[in-house]
């Protein structure tokens, strides 16, 4: 898991039907030189919030019966550390 700050939303007017409902957020990762990722957010996070994300194999486990179409998922909001 990694942490980062939401810096914006990614708008996609055309999306795969397999993509679960949720927003696509642009997240600047902590501890990097400005590395950014796009993450699926089903929690309703907003710009400026520090979030906890999972990537790769951990995300695939969240999708019970389908092949995952995302590799980065927001799994929580960080209130303090």
N, C-alpha and C. Protein backbone atom coordinates (compact mmCIF):
# COMPACT_ATOMS: atom_id res chain seq x y z
N UNK A 1 0.84 -1.18 0.00
CA UNK A 1 0.00 0.00 0.00
C UNK A 1 0.88 1.24 0.00
N UNK A 2 0.32 2.29 -0.56
CA UNK A 2 1.03 3.56 -0.64
C UNK A 2 0.08 4.68 -0.28
N UNK A 3 0.63 5.84 0.04
CA UNK A 3 -0.20 7.00 0.29
C UNK A 3 0.12 8.07 -0.74
N UNK A 4 -0.84 8.96 -0.91
CA UNK A 4 -0.67 10.06 -1.83
C UNK A 4 -1.77 11.08 -1.64
N UNK A 5 -1.69 12.16 -2.38
CA UNK A 5 -2.67 13.24 -2.30
C UNK A 5 -3.42 13.35 -3.62
N UNK A 6 -4.73 13.45 -3.54
CA UNK A 6 -5.56 13.61 -4.73
C UNK A 6 -5.32 15.01 -5.29
N UNK A 7 -4.91 15.08 -6.55
CA UNK A 7 -4.64 16.38 -7.17
C UNK A 7 -5.63 16.73 -8.27
N UNK A 8 -6.55 15.81 -8.56
CA UNK A 8 -7.56 16.10 -9.57
C UNK A 8 -8.32 14.86 -9.98
N UNK A 9 -9.30 15.09 -10.83
CA UNK A 9 -10.10 14.00 -11.40
C UNK A 9 -9.73 13.82 -12.86
N UNK A 10 -9.86 12.60 -13.32
CA UNK A 10 -9.66 12.27 -14.72
C UNK A 10 -11.03 11.99 -15.31
N UNK A 11 -11.43 12.77 -16.29
CA UNK A 11 -12.74 12.62 -16.90
C UNK A 11 -12.63 11.72 -18.12
N UNK A 12 -13.45 10.69 -18.17
CA UNK A 12 -13.47 9.76 -19.30
C UNK A 12 -14.92 9.62 -19.77
N UNK A 13 -15.23 10.20 -20.90
CA UNK A 13 -16.60 10.13 -21.38
C UNK A 13 -16.94 8.77 -21.96
N UNK A 14 -15.93 8.05 -22.41
CA UNK A 14 -16.12 6.69 -22.89
C UNK A 14 -15.33 5.76 -21.97
N UNK A 15 -16.02 4.76 -21.41
CA UNK A 15 -15.39 3.83 -20.48
C UNK A 15 -15.82 2.41 -20.81
N UNK A 16 -14.97 1.46 -20.49
CA UNK A 16 -15.34 0.05 -20.64
C UNK A 16 -16.51 -0.28 -19.73
N UNK A 17 -17.40 -1.11 -20.20
CA UNK A 17 -18.54 -1.52 -19.38
C UNK A 17 -18.08 -2.28 -18.13
N UNK A 18 -16.93 -2.92 -18.21
CA UNK A 18 -16.39 -3.70 -17.09
C UNK A 18 -15.82 -2.83 -15.97
N UNK A 19 -15.62 -1.56 -16.24
CA UNK A 19 -15.07 -0.66 -15.22
C UNK A 19 -16.13 -0.37 -14.18
N UNK A 20 -15.86 -0.70 -12.91
CA UNK A 20 -16.86 -0.47 -11.86
C UNK A 20 -17.20 1.00 -11.73
N UNK A 21 -18.35 1.28 -11.13
CA UNK A 21 -18.75 2.67 -10.88
C UNK A 21 -17.75 3.31 -9.93
N UNK A 22 -17.45 4.54 -10.17
CA UNK A 22 -16.52 5.29 -9.33
C UNK A 22 -15.80 6.33 -10.16
N UNK A 23 -15.09 7.20 -9.45
CA UNK A 23 -14.34 8.26 -10.11
C UNK A 23 -12.92 7.79 -10.38
N UNK A 24 -12.32 8.38 -11.39
CA UNK A 24 -10.90 8.17 -11.66
C UNK A 24 -10.16 9.40 -11.14
N UNK A 25 -9.27 9.18 -10.18
CA UNK A 25 -8.57 10.27 -9.54
C UNK A 25 -7.10 10.28 -9.92
N UNK A 26 -6.54 11.46 -10.06
CA UNK A 26 -5.11 11.61 -10.26
C UNK A 26 -4.51 11.81 -8.88
N UNK A 27 -3.56 10.94 -8.51
CA UNK A 27 -2.97 10.95 -7.17
C UNK A 27 -1.46 11.13 -7.28
N UNK A 28 -0.93 12.13 -6.55
CA UNK A 28 0.52 12.32 -6.47
C UNK A 28 1.02 11.51 -5.28
N UNK A 29 1.92 10.56 -5.55
CA UNK A 29 2.37 9.62 -4.53
C UNK A 29 3.37 10.26 -3.57
N UNK A 30 3.22 9.94 -2.28
CA UNK A 30 4.16 10.39 -1.27
C UNK A 30 5.49 9.67 -1.44
N UNK A 31 6.57 10.34 -1.08
CA UNK A 31 7.88 9.72 -1.09
C UNK A 31 8.49 9.55 -2.48
N UNK A 32 7.97 10.26 -3.47
CA UNK A 32 8.51 10.18 -4.83
C UNK A 32 8.82 11.60 -5.31
N UNK A 33 9.44 11.69 -6.42
CA UNK A 33 9.73 13.01 -7.02
C UNK A 33 8.60 13.41 -7.97
N UNK A 34 7.39 13.47 -7.42
CA UNK A 34 6.25 13.91 -8.21
C UNK A 34 5.56 12.83 -9.01
N UNK A 35 5.84 11.55 -8.72
CA UNK A 35 5.19 10.46 -9.46
C UNK A 35 3.68 10.53 -9.23
N UNK A 36 2.93 10.35 -10.32
CA UNK A 36 1.47 10.39 -10.25
C UNK A 36 0.88 9.12 -10.85
N UNK A 37 -0.27 8.72 -10.32
CA UNK A 37 -1.01 7.57 -10.84
C UNK A 37 -2.48 7.95 -10.96
N UNK A 38 -3.19 7.19 -11.77
CA UNK A 38 -4.64 7.31 -11.84
C UNK A 38 -5.21 6.12 -11.09
N UNK A 39 -6.12 6.40 -10.15
CA UNK A 39 -6.68 5.35 -9.30
C UNK A 39 -8.20 5.39 -9.35
N UNK A 40 -8.82 4.23 -9.30
CA UNK A 40 -10.27 4.13 -9.22
C UNK A 40 -10.69 4.41 -7.78
N UNK A 41 -11.65 5.30 -7.61
CA UNK A 41 -12.13 5.68 -6.27
C UNK A 41 -13.62 5.37 -6.16
N UNK A 42 -13.97 4.46 -5.29
CA UNK A 42 -15.39 4.15 -5.04
C UNK A 42 -15.86 4.76 -3.72
N UNK A 43 -14.98 5.53 -3.05
CA UNK A 43 -15.29 6.08 -1.74
C UNK A 43 -15.79 7.52 -1.79
N UNK A 44 -15.57 8.22 -2.89
CA UNK A 44 -16.00 9.61 -3.00
C UNK A 44 -14.98 10.60 -2.48
N UNK A 45 -13.71 10.34 -2.67
CA UNK A 45 -12.64 11.23 -2.19
C UNK A 45 -12.59 12.50 -3.03
N UNK A 46 -12.03 13.55 -2.43
CA UNK A 46 -11.95 14.82 -3.12
C UNK A 46 -10.53 15.34 -3.22
N UNK A 47 -10.37 16.39 -4.01
CA UNK A 47 -9.07 16.99 -4.23
C UNK A 47 -8.48 17.47 -2.91
N UNK A 48 -7.19 17.22 -2.72
CA UNK A 48 -6.50 17.64 -1.51
C UNK A 48 -6.48 16.60 -0.40
N UNK A 49 -7.30 15.55 -0.52
CA UNK A 49 -7.33 14.52 0.51
C UNK A 49 -6.15 13.56 0.35
N UNK A 50 -5.60 13.15 1.49
CA UNK A 50 -4.54 12.13 1.48
C UNK A 50 -5.25 10.77 1.48
N UNK A 51 -4.86 9.92 0.55
CA UNK A 51 -5.53 8.63 0.38
C UNK A 51 -4.54 7.48 0.49
N UNK A 52 -5.08 6.33 0.78
CA UNK A 52 -4.33 5.08 0.83
C UNK A 52 -4.72 4.30 -0.42
N UNK A 53 -3.73 3.86 -1.19
CA UNK A 53 -4.02 3.13 -2.42
C UNK A 53 -3.34 1.77 -2.41
N UNK A 54 -3.93 0.86 -3.15
CA UNK A 54 -3.32 -0.44 -3.41
C UNK A 54 -3.09 -0.53 -4.91
N UNK A 55 -2.06 -1.29 -5.28
CA UNK A 55 -1.74 -1.47 -6.69
C UNK A 55 -1.46 -2.93 -6.98
N UNK A 56 -1.66 -3.31 -8.23
CA UNK A 56 -1.28 -4.63 -8.70
C UNK A 56 -2.15 -5.77 -8.21
N UNK A 57 -1.51 -6.86 -7.75
CA UNK A 57 -2.22 -8.08 -7.37
C UNK A 57 -3.25 -7.85 -6.27
N UNK A 58 -2.98 -6.96 -5.35
CA UNK A 58 -3.93 -6.69 -4.26
C UNK A 58 -5.25 -6.15 -4.81
N UNK A 59 -5.18 -5.37 -5.87
CA UNK A 59 -6.40 -4.82 -6.47
C UNK A 59 -7.21 -5.92 -7.12
N UNK A 60 -6.54 -6.86 -7.76
CA UNK A 60 -7.24 -7.96 -8.45
C UNK A 60 -8.12 -8.75 -7.49
N UNK A 61 -7.73 -8.86 -6.24
CA UNK A 61 -8.53 -9.61 -5.26
C UNK A 61 -9.84 -8.92 -4.92
N UNK A 62 -9.91 -7.61 -5.13
CA UNK A 62 -11.14 -6.87 -4.84
C UNK A 62 -12.25 -7.22 -5.83
N UNK A 63 -11.85 -7.61 -7.05
CA UNK A 63 -12.80 -7.98 -8.09
C UNK A 63 -13.06 -9.48 -7.97
N UNK A 64 -14.17 -9.86 -7.39
CA UNK A 64 -14.43 -11.25 -7.05
C UNK A 64 -14.54 -12.18 -8.25
N UNK A 65 -15.35 -11.84 -9.23
CA UNK A 65 -15.63 -12.80 -10.29
C UNK A 65 -15.33 -12.29 -11.69
N UNK A 66 -14.58 -11.24 -11.79
CA UNK A 66 -14.28 -10.73 -13.12
C UNK A 66 -12.80 -10.40 -13.23
N UNK A 67 -12.34 -10.31 -14.42
CA UNK A 67 -10.96 -9.92 -14.66
C UNK A 67 -10.85 -8.42 -14.40
N UNK A 68 -9.93 -8.00 -13.55
CA UNK A 68 -9.83 -6.58 -13.23
C UNK A 68 -9.37 -5.76 -14.42
N UNK A 69 -9.95 -4.57 -14.56
CA UNK A 69 -9.55 -3.67 -15.64
C UNK A 69 -8.80 -2.46 -15.08
N UNK A 70 -8.57 -2.44 -13.77
CA UNK A 70 -7.78 -1.38 -13.14
C UNK A 70 -6.67 -2.01 -12.32
N UNK A 71 -5.59 -1.27 -12.14
CA UNK A 71 -4.50 -1.81 -11.32
C UNK A 71 -4.16 -0.93 -10.12
N UNK A 72 -4.93 0.16 -9.93
CA UNK A 72 -4.72 1.04 -8.78
C UNK A 72 -6.08 1.42 -8.22
N UNK A 73 -6.25 1.23 -6.91
CA UNK A 73 -7.55 1.40 -6.26
C UNK A 73 -7.38 2.18 -4.96
N UNK A 74 -8.24 3.20 -4.75
CA UNK A 74 -8.26 3.92 -3.49
C UNK A 74 -8.99 3.03 -2.48
N UNK A 75 -8.32 2.74 -1.34
CA UNK A 75 -8.92 1.85 -0.34
C UNK A 75 -9.21 2.56 0.98
N UNK A 76 -8.80 3.82 1.11
CA UNK A 76 -9.07 4.54 2.34
C UNK A 76 -8.62 5.98 2.27
N UNK A 77 -9.12 6.77 3.25
CA UNK A 77 -8.72 8.15 3.42
C UNK A 77 -7.86 8.21 4.68
N UNK A 78 -6.70 8.83 4.59
CA UNK A 78 -5.79 8.91 5.73
C UNK A 78 -6.17 10.12 6.58
N UNK A 79 -6.55 9.85 7.85
CA UNK A 79 -6.91 10.93 8.78
C UNK A 79 -5.70 11.44 9.55
N UNK A 80 -4.71 10.61 9.73
CA UNK A 80 -3.51 10.99 10.45
C UNK A 80 -2.47 9.89 10.35
N UNK A 81 -1.23 10.26 10.57
CA UNK A 81 -0.18 9.24 10.51
C UNK A 81 0.90 9.54 11.51
